Each structure stands twice: as structure tokens, then as C-alpha cells.
Amino acid sequence: MLPKEVFLSHSDKDKQFVSSLAKVLRRHKIPFWFSKTSLMGAQQWHDEIGKALNRCNWLVVILSPGSVKSEWVKHELMFALSSKRYKGRIVPLMFKSCKYTKLSWTLSAFQLVDFTKKRADGYRALLKVWGMDYKPR
């Protein structure tokens, strides 16, 4: 099922990777919410995050040592885990090896999309979640 809009939950430390992920999603015409491109100056960012979580219907949580330590990533994931709208629509994306169960013990029950080896394989696996083929540039 194609997403209406994907919320990209990530640590600030991973913004460079998430920017490249956003470019691929844009190229494949998958709508997404990413703080770097979606937040504007003078906005109450915590309110904007809440609005986006209430609007989006998929959550991709980028897993890394930074995200495991991030309180905001934890809040975003907990919101999605407790929302019926996100049931079966949470995608843990392993960007860098980490102890992701520290973020939530429930993540061990999810199929991870692995980006730790070849990026193209990661993009291919992620897009397959939505029944799409990865088209490299």
C-alpha cells in the first residue's frame, strides 16, 4: 500500500543520511515529512512534529547510536506504536549498527530494513515495503 505521507523519525546526527533518503523518496514520488525540509523558521517545532505525526500514516524510524539516545525519536516511535493508524506501518531502518532495543523492546518483532551494507539494497528493500521498485538515478 502506497503511503499517504511518511514521517521520518531520526536523530539530528543522522541528518545527512536522511537528506539522501528524502531525495530518493522524492524521486519515487513518496510524500514524506522530514524536519530539515518541513520545519520553517519561527514555528513551534514540537507542535509541528505533533501535527505531522497526526497526519502521516507511515513511520520510518532511522536506527543509529544517535537515535537510540534521542528522547524525541523515542517519543515519535511511542506515538506510532500506540496509534491504530500506524499498525503494520512502522519501518525500522538500520542506518548504523546499534542496540535498537534500548529505544523500544518492541522493535525486535519488526523486520528491519538494512542500510549498513549497500545503500542500493537498502533503498530496494524499503521501496519494496510499498510495492515499488527502486530506480537508481
Protein backbone atom coordinates (compact mmCIF):
# COMPACT_ATOMS: atom_id res chain seq x y z
CA MET A 1 0.00 0.00 0.00
CA LEU A 2 1.41 3.37 -1.01
CA PRO A 3 1.83 5.79 1.85
CA LYS A 4 -0.20 8.97 2.10
CA GLU A 5 2.78 10.51 3.89
CA VAL A 6 5.83 9.03 5.64
CA PHE A 7 7.18 10.51 8.88
CA LEU A 8 10.99 10.23 9.01
CA SER A 9 11.99 9.84 12.66
CA HIS A 10 15.71 10.37 13.16
CA SER A 11 18.48 11.83 15.26
CA ASP A 12 19.90 15.24 14.30
CA LYS A 13 23.24 13.44 14.00
CA ASP A 14 21.88 11.49 11.00
CA LYS A 15 20.51 14.45 9.00
CA GLN A 16 22.96 13.97 6.12
CA PHE A 17 21.80 10.38 5.56
CA VAL A 18 18.14 11.34 6.00
CA SER A 19 18.60 14.10 3.40
CA SER A 20 19.80 11.50 0.88
CA LEU A 21 16.89 9.22 1.82
CA ALA A 22 14.50 12.14 1.29
CA LYS A 23 15.89 12.70 -2.22
CA VAL A 24 15.21 9.07 -3.12
CA LEU A 25 11.68 9.22 -1.70
CA ARG A 26 11.02 12.45 -3.62
CA ARG A 27 12.35 10.89 -6.84
CA HIS A 28 9.94 7.97 -6.33
CA LYS A 29 7.06 10.39 -5.58
CA ILE A 30 6.58 9.22 -1.99
CA PRO A 31 5.36 12.11 0.20
CA PHE A 32 7.26 12.47 3.47
CA TRP A 33 7.74 14.72 6.48
CA PHE A 34 11.36 15.48 7.36
CA SER A 35 12.20 18.13 9.94
CA LYS A 36 15.03 19.64 7.90
CA THR A 37 12.78 20.43 4.93
CA SER A 38 9.37 20.64 6.64
CA LEU A 39 10.06 22.98 9.57
CA MET A 40 10.15 26.70 8.85
CA GLY A 41 11.67 29.48 10.94
CA ALA A 42 9.63 30.76 13.88
CA GLN A 43 7.47 27.62 14.03
CA GLN A 44 6.89 25.83 17.31
CA TRP A 45 8.76 22.72 16.15
CA HIS A 46 7.29 20.40 18.79
CA ASP A 47 3.76 21.39 17.67
CA GLU A 48 4.71 20.84 14.02
CA ILE A 49 6.08 17.37 14.85
CA GLY A 50 2.79 16.54 16.58
CA LYS A 51 0.75 17.74 13.59
CA ALA A 52 2.90 15.70 11.23
CA LEU A 53 2.58 12.54 13.35
CA ASN A 54 -1.20 13.00 13.37
CA ARG A 55 -1.27 13.49 9.59
CA CYS A 56 1.21 10.83 8.38
CA ASN A 57 0.24 7.19 8.02
CA TRP A 58 3.71 5.55 7.94
CA LEU A 59 6.70 5.97 10.25
CA VAL A 60 10.24 5.16 9.18
CA VAL A 61 12.50 5.22 12.23
CA ILE A 62 16.17 5.61 11.31
CA LEU A 63 18.17 3.48 13.74
CA SER A 64 21.65 4.57 14.78
CA PRO A 65 23.56 5.12 18.03
CA GLY A 66 22.27 8.71 17.98
CA SER A 67 18.61 7.81 17.52
CA VAL A 68 18.75 5.20 20.29
CA LYS A 69 19.78 8.01 22.67
CA SER A 70 17.26 10.55 21.33
CA GLU A 71 14.27 11.29 23.55
CA TRP A 72 12.40 12.76 20.55
CA VAL A 73 12.86 9.64 18.43
CA LYS A 74 11.57 7.62 21.38
CA HIS A 75 8.51 9.91 21.74
CA GLU A 76 7.77 9.67 18.00
CA LEU A 77 8.09 5.88 18.00
CA MET A 78 5.92 5.51 21.11
CA PHE A 79 3.25 7.69 19.50
CA ALA A 80 3.24 5.49 16.39
CA LEU A 81 3.24 2.25 18.40
CA SER A 82 0.17 3.42 20.33
CA SER A 83 -1.75 4.65 17.27
CA LYS A 84 -4.06 2.35 15.27
CA ARG A 85 -3.25 4.34 12.13
CA TYR A 86 0.38 3.15 12.25
CA LYS A 87 -0.43 -0.53 12.89
CA GLY A 88 1.66 -2.52 10.42
CA ARG A 89 3.12 0.74 9.10
CA ILE A 90 6.27 1.21 11.16
CA VAL A 91 9.52 0.56 9.33
CA PRO A 92 12.73 0.34 11.36
CA LEU A 93 15.60 1.31 9.07
CA MET A 94 19.04 0.22 10.31
CA PHE A 95 21.37 3.03 9.23
CA LYS A 96 24.22 2.27 11.67
CA SER A 97 24.58 -0.75 13.91
CA CYS A 98 23.18 -0.04 17.37
CA LYS A 99 21.33 -1.61 20.27
CA TYR A 100 17.93 -0.55 18.96
CA THR A 101 16.02 -2.45 21.66
CA LYS A 102 17.15 0.32 24.02
CA LEU A 103 14.84 2.59 22.02
CA SER A 104 11.98 0.10 22.33
CA TRP A 105 11.94 -3.59 23.17
CA THR A 106 9.13 -3.97 20.61
CA LEU A 107 11.46 -3.29 17.66
CA SER A 108 12.82 -6.83 17.85
CA ALA A 109 9.45 -8.01 16.45
CA PHE A 110 9.79 -5.87 13.30
CA GLN A 111 11.57 -6.74 10.07
CA LEU A 112 14.48 -4.30 9.78
CA VAL A 113 15.41 -2.63 6.50
CA ASP A 114 19.20 -2.84 6.44
CA PHE A 115 21.24 0.10 5.14
CA THR A 116 24.50 -0.96 6.84
CA LYS A 117 25.92 -2.66 3.74
CA LYS A 118 24.90 -1.47 0.26
CA ARG A 119 22.72 1.65 0.11
CA ALA A 120 21.07 0.49 -3.10
CA ASP A 121 20.00 -2.75 -1.39
CA GLY A 122 18.54 -0.70 1.47
CA TYR A 123 16.56 1.53 -0.89
CA ARG A 124 15.38 -1.52 -2.81
CA ALA A 125 14.14 -3.19 0.40
CA LEU A 126 12.48 -0.01 1.69
CA LEU A 127 10.60 0.69 -1.53
CA LYS A 128 9.54 -2.96 -1.72
CA VAL A 129 7.62 -2.37 1.56
CA TRP A 130 5.30 -0.17 -0.51
CA GLY A 131 5.28 -2.46 -3.57
CA MET A 132 7.63 -0.23 -5.55
CA ASP A 133 10.80 -0.89 -7.50
CA TYR A 134 13.92 1.13 -6.76
CA LYS A 135 15.01 3.25 -9.71
CA PRO A 136 18.61 4.38 -9.34
CA ARG A 137 19.42 7.73 -10.92
